[in-house]
Amino acid sequence: MRAFIALVVVCMATGCYHDKYNVNGPKVEDYQLPPNEARYTEPDKATYRAPPAPKKEENLKDRGKAGPSGLGGL
């Protein structure tokens, strides 16, 4: 009986383990590369849009064809 009481007292004294001050710190996850599959290595073709064509630059000669009044030679 004494052994049982001693066991209960020891269990109550130790209590449940709780890392109160976070001694172990946060867990760091390792970086993992994705598998070598086409869905990871090739771009998605459904959302791809070709870049727009470059606009034609206006020369100073072409700019003044409308005339000073803006009526285009009328």
N, C-alpha and C. Protein backbone atom coordinates (compact mmCIF):
# COMPACT_ATOMS: atom_id res chain seq x y z
N MET A 1 0.82 -1.18 0.00
CA MET A 1 0.00 0.00 0.00
C MET A 1 0.87 1.25 0.00
N ARG A 2 1.95 1.18 0.76
CA ARG A 2 2.84 2.33 0.81
C ARG A 2 3.46 2.58 -0.57
N ALA A 3 3.76 1.52 -1.28
CA ALA A 3 4.36 1.67 -2.62
C ALA A 3 3.37 2.35 -3.57
N PHE A 4 2.12 2.00 -3.44
CA PHE A 4 1.11 2.62 -4.30
C PHE A 4 0.97 4.11 -4.01
N ILE A 5 0.97 4.48 -2.75
CA ILE A 5 0.87 5.89 -2.36
C ILE A 5 2.11 6.64 -2.82
N ALA A 6 3.26 6.02 -2.71
CA ALA A 6 4.49 6.65 -3.17
C ALA A 6 4.45 6.86 -4.69
N LEU A 7 3.93 5.88 -5.39
CA LEU A 7 3.80 5.99 -6.86
C LEU A 7 2.85 7.13 -7.23
N VAL A 8 1.75 7.27 -6.54
CA VAL A 8 0.79 8.35 -6.80
C VAL A 8 1.44 9.71 -6.51
N VAL A 9 2.17 9.81 -5.43
CA VAL A 9 2.83 11.07 -5.07
C VAL A 9 3.87 11.43 -6.12
N VAL A 10 4.64 10.47 -6.59
CA VAL A 10 5.65 10.73 -7.62
C VAL A 10 4.99 11.17 -8.92
N CYS A 11 3.93 10.53 -9.30
CA CYS A 11 3.21 10.90 -10.54
C CYS A 11 2.62 12.30 -10.43
N MET A 12 2.10 12.66 -9.28
CA MET A 12 1.53 14.00 -9.11
C MET A 12 2.63 15.05 -9.10
N ALA A 13 3.78 14.71 -8.56
CA ALA A 13 4.88 15.67 -8.49
C ALA A 13 5.46 15.95 -9.87
N THR A 14 5.55 14.93 -10.70
CA THR A 14 6.12 15.14 -12.03
C THR A 14 5.12 15.80 -12.95
N GLY A 15 3.86 15.46 -12.83
CA GLY A 15 2.83 16.08 -13.66
C GLY A 15 2.98 15.73 -15.13
N CYS A 16 2.28 16.45 -15.95
CA CYS A 16 2.34 16.25 -17.40
C CYS A 16 3.44 17.14 -17.96
N TYR A 17 4.15 16.62 -18.92
CA TYR A 17 5.21 17.41 -19.54
C TYR A 17 4.58 18.50 -20.40
N HIS A 18 5.03 19.71 -20.20
CA HIS A 18 4.55 20.84 -21.01
C HIS A 18 5.74 21.75 -21.28
N ASP A 19 6.01 22.00 -22.56
CA ASP A 19 7.15 22.85 -22.94
C ASP A 19 6.72 24.31 -22.78
N LYS A 20 6.79 24.80 -21.56
CA LYS A 20 6.29 26.13 -21.23
C LYS A 20 7.05 27.24 -21.94
N TYR A 21 8.35 27.10 -22.08
CA TYR A 21 9.16 28.16 -22.65
C TYR A 21 9.60 27.87 -24.09
N ASN A 22 9.01 26.89 -24.72
CA ASN A 22 9.29 26.53 -26.12
C ASN A 22 10.80 26.37 -26.34
N VAL A 23 11.40 25.50 -25.55
CA VAL A 23 12.84 25.28 -25.58
C VAL A 23 13.27 24.67 -26.91
N ASN A 24 12.47 23.81 -27.47
CA ASN A 24 12.85 23.12 -28.71
C ASN A 24 12.76 24.04 -29.93
N GLY A 25 11.98 25.06 -29.90
CA GLY A 25 11.87 25.99 -31.01
C GLY A 25 10.97 25.45 -32.11
N PRO A 26 10.73 26.29 -33.12
CA PRO A 26 9.84 25.85 -34.20
C PRO A 26 10.53 24.84 -35.11
N LYS A 27 9.76 23.98 -35.69
CA LYS A 27 10.28 22.99 -36.62
C LYS A 27 10.47 23.65 -37.98
N VAL A 28 11.60 23.39 -38.61
CA VAL A 28 11.90 23.96 -39.92
C VAL A 28 11.65 22.88 -40.97
N GLU A 29 10.83 23.22 -41.96
CA GLU A 29 10.55 22.25 -43.01
C GLU A 29 11.64 22.32 -44.06
N ASP A 30 12.01 21.17 -44.57
CA ASP A 30 13.01 21.11 -45.64
C ASP A 30 12.34 21.42 -46.97
N TYR A 31 13.08 22.14 -47.82
CA TYR A 31 12.57 22.43 -49.15
C TYR A 31 12.69 21.19 -50.02
N GLN A 32 11.65 20.94 -50.79
CA GLN A 32 11.67 19.79 -51.69
C GLN A 32 11.33 20.27 -53.08
N LEU A 33 12.10 19.83 -54.05
CA LEU A 33 11.84 20.17 -55.44
C LEU A 33 10.68 19.33 -55.96
N PRO A 34 9.88 19.89 -56.89
CA PRO A 34 8.78 19.09 -57.44
C PRO A 34 9.33 17.97 -58.31
N PRO A 35 8.56 16.93 -58.54
CA PRO A 35 9.03 15.84 -59.38
C PRO A 35 9.25 16.31 -60.82
N ASN A 36 10.07 15.60 -61.54
CA ASN A 36 10.41 15.95 -62.91
C ASN A 36 9.30 15.45 -63.84
N GLU A 37 8.18 16.16 -63.84
CA GLU A 37 7.04 15.82 -64.68
C GLU A 37 6.72 17.02 -65.56
N ALA A 38 6.04 16.76 -66.68
CA ALA A 38 5.74 17.82 -67.65
C ALA A 38 4.85 18.90 -67.04
N ARG A 39 3.97 18.55 -66.14
CA ARG A 39 3.07 19.55 -65.58
C ARG A 39 3.79 20.54 -64.68
N TYR A 40 4.99 20.17 -64.21
CA TYR A 40 5.77 21.09 -63.39
C TYR A 40 6.85 21.81 -64.20
N THR A 41 7.39 21.16 -65.23
CA THR A 41 8.53 21.74 -65.95
C THR A 41 8.12 22.58 -67.14
N GLU A 42 6.97 22.33 -67.76
CA GLU A 42 6.53 23.09 -68.93
C GLU A 42 5.47 24.12 -68.51
N PRO A 43 5.45 25.29 -69.15
CA PRO A 43 4.44 26.28 -68.79
C PRO A 43 3.05 25.85 -69.25
N ASP A 44 2.06 26.40 -68.61
CA ASP A 44 0.68 26.11 -68.96
C ASP A 44 0.35 26.80 -70.28
N LYS A 45 -0.06 26.04 -71.27
CA LYS A 45 -0.30 26.60 -72.60
C LYS A 45 -1.69 27.22 -72.72
N ALA A 46 -2.59 26.89 -71.85
CA ALA A 46 -3.95 27.40 -71.95
C ALA A 46 -4.01 28.89 -71.62
N THR A 47 -3.17 29.36 -70.74
CA THR A 47 -3.22 30.76 -70.35
C THR A 47 -2.15 31.60 -71.04
N TYR A 48 -1.39 30.99 -71.95
CA TYR A 48 -0.31 31.73 -72.60
C TYR A 48 -0.87 32.62 -73.70
N ARG A 49 -0.47 33.87 -73.72
CA ARG A 49 -0.82 34.80 -74.79
C ARG A 49 0.47 35.34 -75.36
N ALA A 50 0.53 35.40 -76.68
CA ALA A 50 1.71 35.94 -77.34
C ALA A 50 1.79 37.44 -77.04
N PRO A 51 2.99 37.98 -76.97
CA PRO A 51 3.11 39.42 -76.72
C PRO A 51 2.51 40.21 -77.87
N PRO A 52 1.96 41.38 -77.61
CA PRO A 52 1.34 42.16 -78.68
C PRO A 52 2.38 42.63 -79.70
N ALA A 53 1.92 42.80 -80.94
CA ALA A 53 2.81 43.27 -81.99
C ALA A 53 3.20 44.72 -81.71
N PRO A 54 4.44 45.08 -82.02
CA PRO A 54 4.85 46.47 -81.76
C PRO A 54 4.08 47.44 -82.66
N LYS A 55 3.71 48.56 -82.08
CA LYS A 55 2.96 49.56 -82.84
C LYS A 55 3.88 50.28 -83.82
N LYS A 56 3.29 50.69 -84.92
CA LYS A 56 4.06 51.42 -85.92
C LYS A 56 4.26 52.85 -85.43
N GLU A 57 5.50 53.27 -85.47
CA GLU A 57 5.80 54.62 -85.02
C GLU A 57 5.43 55.62 -86.09
N GLU A 58 4.86 56.73 -85.68
CA GLU A 58 4.52 57.80 -86.63
C GLU A 58 5.73 58.70 -86.82
N ASN A 59 6.00 59.01 -88.05
CA ASN A 59 7.07 59.96 -88.33
C ASN A 59 6.51 61.38 -88.26
N LEU A 60 7.40 62.31 -88.15
CA LEU A 60 6.95 63.70 -88.12
C LEU A 60 6.33 64.09 -89.46
N LYS A 61 6.76 63.46 -90.55
CA LYS A 61 6.17 63.76 -91.86
C LYS A 61 4.72 63.29 -91.91
N ASP A 62 4.45 62.10 -91.39
CA ASP A 62 3.09 61.55 -91.45
C ASP A 62 2.15 62.24 -90.47
N ARG A 63 2.68 62.83 -89.46
CA ARG A 63 1.86 63.42 -88.42
C ARG A 63 1.09 64.64 -88.92
N GLY A 64 1.65 65.41 -89.79
CA GLY A 64 1.01 66.65 -90.21
C GLY A 64 0.16 66.52 -91.46
N LYS A 65 -0.25 65.34 -91.89
CA LYS A 65 -1.04 65.17 -93.11
C LYS A 65 -2.45 65.74 -92.99
N ALA A 66 -2.96 65.86 -91.82
CA ALA A 66 -4.30 66.39 -91.67
C ALA A 66 -4.35 67.88 -91.90
N GLY A 67 -3.24 68.54 -91.89
CA GLY A 67 -3.21 69.97 -92.14
C GLY A 67 -3.36 70.77 -90.86
N PRO A 68 -3.10 72.03 -90.92
CA PRO A 68 -3.17 72.85 -89.71
C PRO A 68 -4.60 73.01 -89.19
N SER A 69 -5.60 72.93 -90.07
CA SER A 69 -6.96 73.10 -89.60
C SER A 69 -7.55 71.80 -89.07
N GLY A 70 -6.88 70.65 -89.36
CA GLY A 70 -7.36 69.38 -88.88
C GLY A 70 -8.43 68.79 -89.75
N LEU A 71 -8.70 69.35 -90.93
CA LEU A 71 -9.76 68.84 -91.80
C LEU A 71 -9.20 67.92 -92.88
N GLY A 72 -7.92 67.70 -92.94
CA GLY A 72 -7.37 66.75 -93.89
C GLY A 72 -7.26 67.30 -95.29
N GLY A 73 -6.94 68.54 -95.48
CA GLY A 73 -6.72 69.10 -96.80
C GLY A 73 -7.95 69.73 -97.43
N LEU A 74 -9.02 69.92 -96.72
CA LEU A 74 -10.21 70.56 -97.28
C LEU A 74 -10.12 72.05 -97.21
